[in-house]
Every structure is written in C-alpha cells, then in structure tokens.
C-alpha cells in the first residue's frame, strides 16, 4: 500500500514538472534515448542543471524529481 502511495505522489510530481515546472526547475531537454537508458535534464533560473536517467521516460522523470528534492533539501 505504501509503495502505491509513493508511486502516485511521484506520478503527480512528474505531471507538475512537465506542465509548469517543479520547485523552481523546468525541463531543459536531455539526450533522449541513450544506449540502455533515457536521460532528462532540468534547470533553474540560477543556472543549476540536474540530469537523471531511467529505463523509461517516466522512470527518468521520477528520478529527476528525486534529484531535485534531494538537491534542494540537502
């Protein structure tokens, strides 16, 4: 049950990132499909750029959300 809740929350955050940005970061492209992964990139107005990879585009976005959260909360 907890895993489903976490997945639902991440999915909602991914939608927010795609539509309007997330916690000051906006999608800035990425390299798309790599050899064994998909890479996405987000930047903020201060020029901070974060990238994340995943086996699928949705997984890459979820990993990017987690990187943004970690970077801002650290």
PDB file of N, CA and C in Angstrom:
ATOM      1  N   UNK A   1       0.830  -1.196   0.000  1.00  0.00           N
ATOM      2  CA  UNK A   1       0.000   0.000   0.000  1.00  0.00           C
ATOM      3  C   UNK A   1       0.876   1.262   0.000  1.00  0.00           C
ATOM      4  N   UNK A   2       1.904   1.262   0.800  1.00  0.00           N
ATOM      5  CA  UNK A   2       2.797   2.419   0.888  1.00  0.00           C
ATOM      6  C   UNK A   2       3.504   2.662  -0.443  1.00  0.00           C
ATOM      7  N   UNK A   3       3.876   1.585  -1.125  1.00  0.00           N
ATOM      8  CA  UNK A   3       4.548   1.707  -2.414  1.00  0.00           C
ATOM      9  C   UNK A   3       3.621   2.329  -3.459  1.00  0.00           C
ATOM     10  N   UNK A   4       2.332   1.980  -3.416  1.00  0.00           N
ATOM     11  CA  UNK A   4       1.366   2.563  -4.346  1.00  0.00           C
ATOM     12  C   UNK A   4       1.190   4.053  -4.089  1.00  0.00           C
ATOM     13  N   UNK A   5       1.183   4.445  -2.816  1.00  0.00           N
ATOM     14  CA  UNK A   5       1.042   5.857  -2.460  1.00  0.00           C
ATOM     15  C   UNK A   5       2.248   6.657  -2.956  1.00  0.00           C
ATOM     16  N   UNK A   6       3.448   6.103  -2.759  1.00  0.00           N
ATOM     17  CA  UNK A   6       4.679   6.764  -3.204  1.00  0.00           C
ATOM     18  C   UNK A   6       4.668   6.917  -4.715  1.00  0.00           C
ATOM     19  N   UNK A   7       4.259   5.872  -5.426  1.00  0.00           N
ATOM     20  CA  UNK A   7       4.198   5.903  -6.876  1.00  0.00           C
ATOM     21  C   UNK A   7       3.212   6.960  -7.359  1.00  0.00           C
ATOM     22  N   UNK A   8       2.076   7.055  -6.703  1.00  0.00           N
ATOM     23  CA  UNK A   8       1.059   8.036  -7.070  1.00  0.00           C
ATOM     24  C   UNK A   8       1.568   9.463  -6.861  1.00  0.00           C
ATOM     25  N   UNK A   9       2.253   9.687  -5.755  1.00  0.00           N
ATOM     26  CA  UNK A   9       2.804  11.012  -5.462  1.00  0.00           C
ATOM     27  C   UNK A   9       3.866  11.378  -6.487  1.00  0.00           C
ATOM     28  N   UNK A  10       4.761  10.446  -6.813  1.00  0.00           N
ATOM     29  CA  UNK A  10       5.787  10.713  -7.819  1.00  0.00           C
ATOM     30  C   UNK A  10       5.166  11.011  -9.175  1.00  0.00           C
ATOM     31  N   UNK A  11       4.145  10.264  -9.550  1.00  0.00           N
ATOM     32  CA  UNK A  11       3.485  10.485 -10.840  1.00  0.00           C
ATOM     33  C   UNK A  11       2.877  11.889 -10.902  1.00  0.00           C
ATOM     34  N   UNK A  12       2.260  12.325  -9.821  1.00  0.00           N
ATOM     35  CA  UNK A  12       1.680  13.673  -9.783  1.00  0.00           C
ATOM     36  C   UNK A  12       2.775  14.732  -9.898  1.00  0.00           C
ATOM     37  N   UNK A  13       3.891  14.524  -9.231  1.00  0.00           N
ATOM     38  CA  UNK A  13       5.009  15.478  -9.320  1.00  0.00           C
ATOM     39  C   UNK A  13       5.579  15.526 -10.732  1.00  0.00           C
ATOM     40  N   UNK A  14       5.640  14.386 -11.399  1.00  0.00           N
ATOM     41  CA  UNK A  14       6.110  14.344 -12.784  1.00  0.00           C
ATOM     42  C   UNK A  14       5.184  15.179 -13.662  1.00  0.00           C
ATOM     43  N   UNK A  15       3.881  15.052 -13.474  1.00  0.00           N
ATOM     44  CA  UNK A  15       2.924  15.851 -14.241  1.00  0.00           C
ATOM     45  C   UNK A  15       3.125  17.336 -13.988  1.00  0.00           C
ATOM     46  N   UNK A  16       3.378  17.713 -12.750  1.00  0.00           N
ATOM     47  CA  UNK A  16       3.624  19.118 -12.418  1.00  0.00           C
ATOM     48  C   UNK A  16       4.899  19.598 -13.107  1.00  0.00           C
ATOM     49  N   UNK A  17       5.967  18.797 -13.048  1.00  0.00           N
ATOM     50  CA  UNK A  17       7.223  19.153 -13.708  1.00  0.00           C
ATOM     51  C   UNK A  17       7.002  19.372 -15.196  1.00  0.00           C
ATOM     52  N   UNK A  18       6.281  18.483 -15.835  1.00  0.00           N
ATOM     53  CA  UNK A  18       6.039  18.605 -17.271  1.00  0.00           C
ATOM     54  C   UNK A  18       5.210  19.836 -17.612  1.00  0.00           C
ATOM     55  N   UNK A  19       4.187  20.121 -16.807  1.00  0.00           N
ATOM     56  CA  UNK A  19       3.243  21.200 -17.122  1.00  0.00           C
ATOM     57  C   UNK A  19       3.733  22.591 -16.751  1.00  0.00           C
ATOM     58  N   UNK A  20       4.308  22.728 -15.557  1.00  0.00           N
ATOM     59  CA  UNK A  20       4.626  24.075 -15.078  1.00  0.00           C
ATOM     60  C   UNK A  20       5.974  24.202 -14.387  1.00  0.00           C
ATOM     61  N   UNK A  21       6.695  23.121 -14.286  1.00  0.00           N
ATOM     62  CA  UNK A  21       7.968  23.146 -13.567  1.00  0.00           C
ATOM     63  C   UNK A  21       7.759  22.664 -12.143  1.00  0.00           C
ATOM     64  N   UNK A  22       8.861  22.346 -11.485  1.00  0.00           N
ATOM     65  CA  UNK A  22       8.793  21.762 -10.148  1.00  0.00           C
ATOM     66  C   UNK A  22       9.864  22.379  -9.276  1.00  0.00           C
ATOM     67  N   UNK A  23       9.432  23.036  -8.211  1.00  0.00           N
ATOM     68  CA  UNK A  23      10.326  23.628  -7.216  1.00  0.00           C
ATOM     69  C   UNK A  23      11.389  24.526  -7.847  1.00  0.00           C
ATOM     70  N   UNK A  24      10.984  25.301  -8.839  1.00  0.00           N
ATOM     71  CA  UNK A  24      11.885  26.247  -9.497  1.00  0.00           C
ATOM     72  C   UNK A  24      12.652  25.677 -10.678  1.00  0.00           C
ATOM     73  N   UNK A  25      12.483  24.407 -10.968  1.00  0.00           N
ATOM     74  CA  UNK A  25      13.165  23.772 -12.105  1.00  0.00           C
ATOM     75  C   UNK A  25      12.174  23.543 -13.240  1.00  0.00           C
ATOM     76  N   UNK A  26      12.676  23.715 -14.471  1.00  0.00           N
ATOM     77  CA  UNK A  26      11.885  23.464 -15.673  1.00  0.00           C
ATOM     78  C   UNK A  26      12.655  22.499 -16.560  1.00  0.00           C
ATOM     79  N   UNK A  27      11.942  21.693 -17.304  1.00  0.00           N
ATOM     80  CA  UNK A  27      12.593  20.752 -18.207  1.00  0.00           C
ATOM     81  C   UNK A  27      13.425  21.502 -19.235  1.00  0.00           C
ATOM     82  N   UNK A  28      14.611  20.988 -19.466  1.00  0.00           N
ATOM     83  CA  UNK A  28      15.530  21.631 -20.405  1.00  0.00           C
ATOM     84  C   UNK A  28      16.033  20.623 -21.426  1.00  0.00           C
ATOM     85  N   UNK A  29      15.234  19.624 -21.699  1.00  0.00           N
ATOM     86  CA  UNK A  29      15.634  18.632 -22.690  1.00  0.00           C
ATOM     87  C   UNK A  29      16.409  17.495 -22.066  1.00  0.00           C
ATOM     88  N   UNK A  30      17.316  16.997 -22.797  1.00  0.00           N
ATOM     89  CA  UNK A  30      18.113  15.849 -22.394  1.00  0.00           C
ATOM     90  C   UNK A  30      18.634  15.195 -23.640  1.00  0.00           C
ATOM     91  N   UNK A  31      19.251  14.075 -23.483  1.00  0.00           N
ATOM     92  CA  UNK A  31      19.807  13.387 -24.638  1.00  0.00           C
ATOM     93  C   UNK A  31      18.848  12.350 -25.199  1.00  0.00           C
ATOM     94  N   UNK A  32      17.675  12.257 -24.618  1.00  0.00           N
ATOM     95  CA  UNK A  32      16.726  11.280 -25.109  1.00  0.00           C
ATOM     96  C   UNK A  32      17.189   9.868 -24.842  1.00  0.00           C
ATOM     97  N   UNK A  33      17.036   9.011 -25.790  1.00  0.00           N
ATOM     98  CA  UNK A  33      17.355   7.595 -25.622  1.00  0.00           C
ATOM     99  C   UNK A  33      18.862   7.388 -25.735  1.00  0.00           C
ATOM    100  N   UNK A  34      19.455   6.892 -24.665  1.00  0.00           N
ATOM    101  CA  UNK A  34      20.859   6.506 -24.672  1.00  0.00           C
ATOM    102  C   UNK A  34      20.927   5.018 -24.996  1.00  0.00           C
ATOM    103  N   UNK A  35      22.088   4.443 -24.897  1.00  0.00           N
ATOM    104  CA  UNK A  35      22.251   3.028 -25.235  1.00  0.00           C
ATOM    105  C   UNK A  35      21.299   2.133 -24.450  1.00  0.00           C
ATOM    106  N   UNK A  36      21.259   2.292 -23.137  1.00  0.00           N
ATOM    107  CA  UNK A  36      20.407   1.450 -22.298  1.00  0.00           C
ATOM    108  C   UNK A  36      19.498   2.265 -21.391  1.00  0.00           C
ATOM    109  N   UNK A  37      19.340   3.551 -21.683  1.00  0.00           N
ATOM    110  CA  UNK A  37      18.568   4.392 -20.779  1.00  0.00           C
ATOM    111  C   UNK A  37      18.047   5.622 -21.510  1.00  0.00           C
ATOM    112  N   UNK A  38      17.212   6.363 -20.801  1.00  0.00           N
ATOM    113  CA  UNK A  38      16.703   7.653 -21.264  1.00  0.00           C
ATOM    114  C   UNK A  38      17.216   8.693 -20.281  1.00  0.00           C
ATOM    115  N   UNK A  39      17.689   9.828 -20.781  1.00  0.00           N
ATOM    116  CA  UNK A  39      18.205  10.883 -19.912  1.00  0.00           C
ATOM    117  C   UNK A  39      17.370  12.148 -20.089  1.00  0.00           C
ATOM    118  N   UNK A  40      17.033  12.787 -18.974  1.00  0.00           N
ATOM    119  CA  UNK A  40      16.298  14.046 -18.993  1.00  0.00           C
ATOM    120  C   UNK A  40      17.063  15.074 -18.167  1.00  0.00           C
ATOM    121  N   UNK A  41      16.771  16.337 -18.425  1.00  0.00           N
ATOM    122  CA  UNK A  41      17.512  17.424 -17.788  1.00  0.00           C
ATOM    123  C   UNK A  41      16.545  18.527 -17.377  1.00  0.00           C
ATOM    124  N   UNK A  42      16.839  19.153 -16.230  1.00  0.00           N
ATOM    125  CA  UNK A  42      16.060  20.306 -15.771  1.00  0.00           C
ATOM    126  C   UNK A  42      17.032  21.371 -15.285  1.00  0.00           C
ATOM    127  N   UNK A  43      16.626  22.622 -15.430  1.00  0.00           N
ATOM    128  CA  UNK A  43      17.443  23.757 -14.989  1.00  0.00           C
ATOM    129  C   UNK A  43      16.573  24.724 -14.205  1.00  0.00           C
ATOM    130  N   UNK A  44      17.237  25.496 -13.323  1.00  0.00           N
ATOM    131  CA  UNK A  44      16.525  26.563 -12.635  1.00  0.00           C
ATOM    132  C   UNK A  44      17.046  27.907 -13.119  1.00  0.00           C
ATOM    133  N   UNK A  45      16.490  28.993 -12.615  1.00  0.00           N
ATOM    134  CA  UNK A  45      16.863  30.340 -13.069  1.00  0.00           C
ATOM    135  C   UNK A  45      18.270  30.733 -12.660  1.00  0.00           C
ATOM    136  N   UNK A  46      18.829  30.055 -11.669  1.00  0.00           N
ATOM    137  CA  UNK A  46      20.199  30.333 -11.221  1.00  0.00           C
ATOM    138  C   UNK A  46      21.235  29.602 -12.060  1.00  0.00           C
ATOM    139  N   UNK A  47      20.776  28.815 -13.031  1.00  0.00           N
ATOM    140  CA  UNK A  47      21.686  28.096 -13.908  1.00  0.00           C
ATOM    141  C   UNK A  47      22.075  26.717 -13.419  1.00  0.00           C
ATOM    142  N   UNK A  48      21.459  26.260 -12.337  1.00  0.00           N
ATOM    143  CA  UNK A  48      21.731  24.913 -11.841  1.00  0.00           C
ATOM    144  C   UNK A  48      21.050  23.921 -12.767  1.00  0.00           C
ATOM    145  N   UNK A  49      21.808  22.942 -13.215  1.00  0.00           N
ATOM    146  CA  UNK A  49      21.304  21.934 -14.125  1.00  0.00           C
ATOM    147  C   UNK A  49      21.434  20.556 -13.486  1.00  0.00           C
ATOM    148  N   UNK A  50      20.348  19.793 -13.507  1.00  0.00           N
ATOM    149  CA  UNK A  50      20.356  18.441 -12.967  1.00  0.00           C
ATOM    150  C   UNK A  50      19.890  17.486 -14.054  1.00  0.00           C
ATOM    151  N   UNK A  51      20.511  16.324 -14.115  1.00  0.00           N
ATOM    152  CA  UNK A  51      20.101  15.296 -15.067  1.00  0.00           C
ATOM    153  C   UNK A  51      19.801  14.003 -14.321  1.00  0.00           C
ATOM    154  N   UNK A  52      19.000  13.175 -14.951  1.00  0.00           N
ATOM    155  CA  UNK A  52      18.671  11.874 -14.380  1.00  0.00           C
ATOM    156  C   UNK A  52      18.415  10.898 -15.521  1.00  0.00           C
ATOM    157  N   UNK A  53      18.624   9.639 -15.227  1.00  0.00           N
ATOM    158  CA  UNK A  53      18.411   8.586 -16.213  1.00  0.00           C
ATOM    159  C   UNK A  53      17.427   7.560 -15.691  1.00  0.00           C
ATOM    160  N   UNK A  54      16.845   6.835 -16.606  1.00  0.00           N
ATOM    161  CA  UNK A  54      15.946   5.737 -16.259  1.00  0.00           C
ATOM    162  C   UNK A  54      15.768   4.818 -17.446  1.00  0.00           C
ATOM    163  N   UNK A  55      15.219   3.662 -17.193  1.00  0.00           N
ATOM    164  CA  UNK A  55      14.976   2.707 -18.271  1.00  0.00           C
ATOM    165  C   UNK A  55      13.878   3.201 -19.211  1.00  0.00           C
ATOM    166  N   UNK A  56      12.940   3.985 -18.686  1.00  0.00           N
ATOM    167  CA  UNK A  56      11.860   4.569 -19.485  1.00  0.00           C
ATOM    168  C   UNK A  56      11.835   6.067 -19.233  1.00  0.00           C
ATOM    169  N   UNK A  57      11.106   6.788 -20.049  1.00  0.00           N
ATOM    170  CA  UNK A  57      10.992   8.233 -19.872  1.00  0.00           C
ATOM    171  C   UNK A  57      10.350   8.568 -18.531  1.00  0.00           C
ATOM    172  N   UNK A  58       9.293   7.845 -18.166  1.00  0.00           N
ATOM    173  CA  UNK A  58       8.642   8.102 -16.879  1.00  0.00           C
ATOM    174  C   UNK A  58       9.588   7.843 -15.713  1.00  0.00           C
ATOM    175  N   UNK A  59      10.372   6.790 -15.789  1.00  0.00           N
ATOM    176  CA  UNK A  59      11.328   6.498 -14.719  1.00  0.00           C
ATOM    177  C   UNK A  59      12.403   7.581 -14.645  1.00  0.00           C
ATOM    178  N   UNK A  60      12.847   8.078 -15.786  1.00  0.00           N
ATOM    179  CA  UNK A  60      13.832   9.157 -15.799  1.00  0.00           C
ATOM    180  C   UNK A  60      13.264  10.419 -15.145  1.00  0.00           C
ATOM    181  N   UNK A  61      12.003  10.741 -15.456  1.00  0.00           N
ATOM    182  CA  UNK A  61      11.366  11.893 -14.815  1.00  0.00           C
ATOM    183  C   UNK A  61      11.240  11.690 -13.301  1.00  0.00           C
ATOM    184  N   UNK A  62      10.855  10.504 -12.880  1.00  0.00           N
ATOM    185  CA  UNK A  62      10.746  10.229 -11.446  1.00  0.00           C
ATOM    186  C   UNK A  62      12.107  10.376 -10.761  1.00  0.00           C
ATOM    187  N   UNK A  63      13.153   9.877 -11.404  1.00  0.00           N
ATOM    188  CA  UNK A  63      14.497  10.017 -10.838  1.00  0.00           C
ATOM    189  C   UNK A  63      14.931  11.485 -10.800  1.00  0.00           C
ATOM    190  N   UNK A  64      14.515  12.260 -11.788  1.00  0.00           N
ATOM    191  CA  UNK A  64      14.827  13.683 -11.806  1.00  0.00           C
ATOM    192  C   UNK A  64      14.119  14.410 -10.664  1.00  0.00           C
ATOM    193  N   UNK A  65      12.869  14.074 -10.413  1.00  0.00           N
ATOM    194  CA  UNK A  65      12.135  14.654  -9.284  1.00  0.00           C
ATOM    195  C   UNK A  65      12.854  14.350  -7.977  1.00  0.00           C
ATOM    196  N   UNK A  66      13.299  13.116  -7.817  1.00  0.00           N
ATOM    197  CA  UNK A  66      14.017  12.747  -6.598  1.00  0.00           C
ATOM    198  C   UNK A  66      15.331  13.510  -6.476  1.00  0.00           C
ATOM    199  N   UNK A  67      16.032  13.743  -7.590  1.00  0.00           N
ATOM    200  CA  UNK A  67      17.288  14.519  -7.552  1.00  0.00           C
ATOM    201  C   UNK A  67      17.010  15.968  -7.176  1.00  0.00           C
ATOM    202  N   UNK A  68      15.948  16.542  -7.719  1.00  0.00           N
ATOM    203  CA  UNK A  68      15.586  17.927  -7.384  1.00  0.00           C
ATOM    204  C   UNK A  68      15.273  18.025  -5.895  1.00  0.00           C
ATOM    205  N   UNK A  69      14.446  17.108  -5.395  1.00  0.00           N
ATOM    206  CA  UNK A  69      14.107  17.112  -3.967  1.00  0.00           C
ATOM    207  C   UNK A  69      15.363  16.983  -3.109  1.00  0.00           C
ATOM    208  N   UNK A  70      16.233  16.047  -3.452  1.00  0.00           N
ATOM    209  CA  UNK A  70      17.453  15.831  -2.677  1.00  0.00           C
ATOM    210  C   UNK A  70      18.346  17.058  -2.714  1.00  0.00           C
ATOM    211  N   UNK A  71      18.507  17.643  -3.895  1.00  0.00           N
ATOM    212  CA  UNK A  71      19.395  18.803  -4.045  1.00  0.00           C
ATOM    213  C   UNK A  71      18.869  19.995  -3.238  1.00  0.00           C
ATOM    214  N   UNK A  72      17.565  20.238  -3.267  1.00  0.00           N
ATOM    215  CA  UNK A  72      17.009  21.384  -2.562  1.00  0.00           C
ATOM    216  C   UNK A  72      16.905  21.161  -1.059  1.00  0.00           C
ATOM    217  N   UNK A  73      16.693  19.922  -0.634  1.00  0.00           N
ATOM    218  CA  UNK A  73      16.503  19.642   0.790  1.00  0.00           C
ATOM    219  C   UNK A  73      17.809  19.376   1.516  1.00  0.00           C
ATOM    220  N   UNK A  74      18.903  19.200   0.771  1.00  0.00           N
ATOM    221  CA  UNK A  74      20.185  18.892   1.392  1.00  0.00           C
ATOM    222  C   UNK A  74      20.837  20.118   1.977  1.00  0.00           C
TER     223      UNK A  74
END
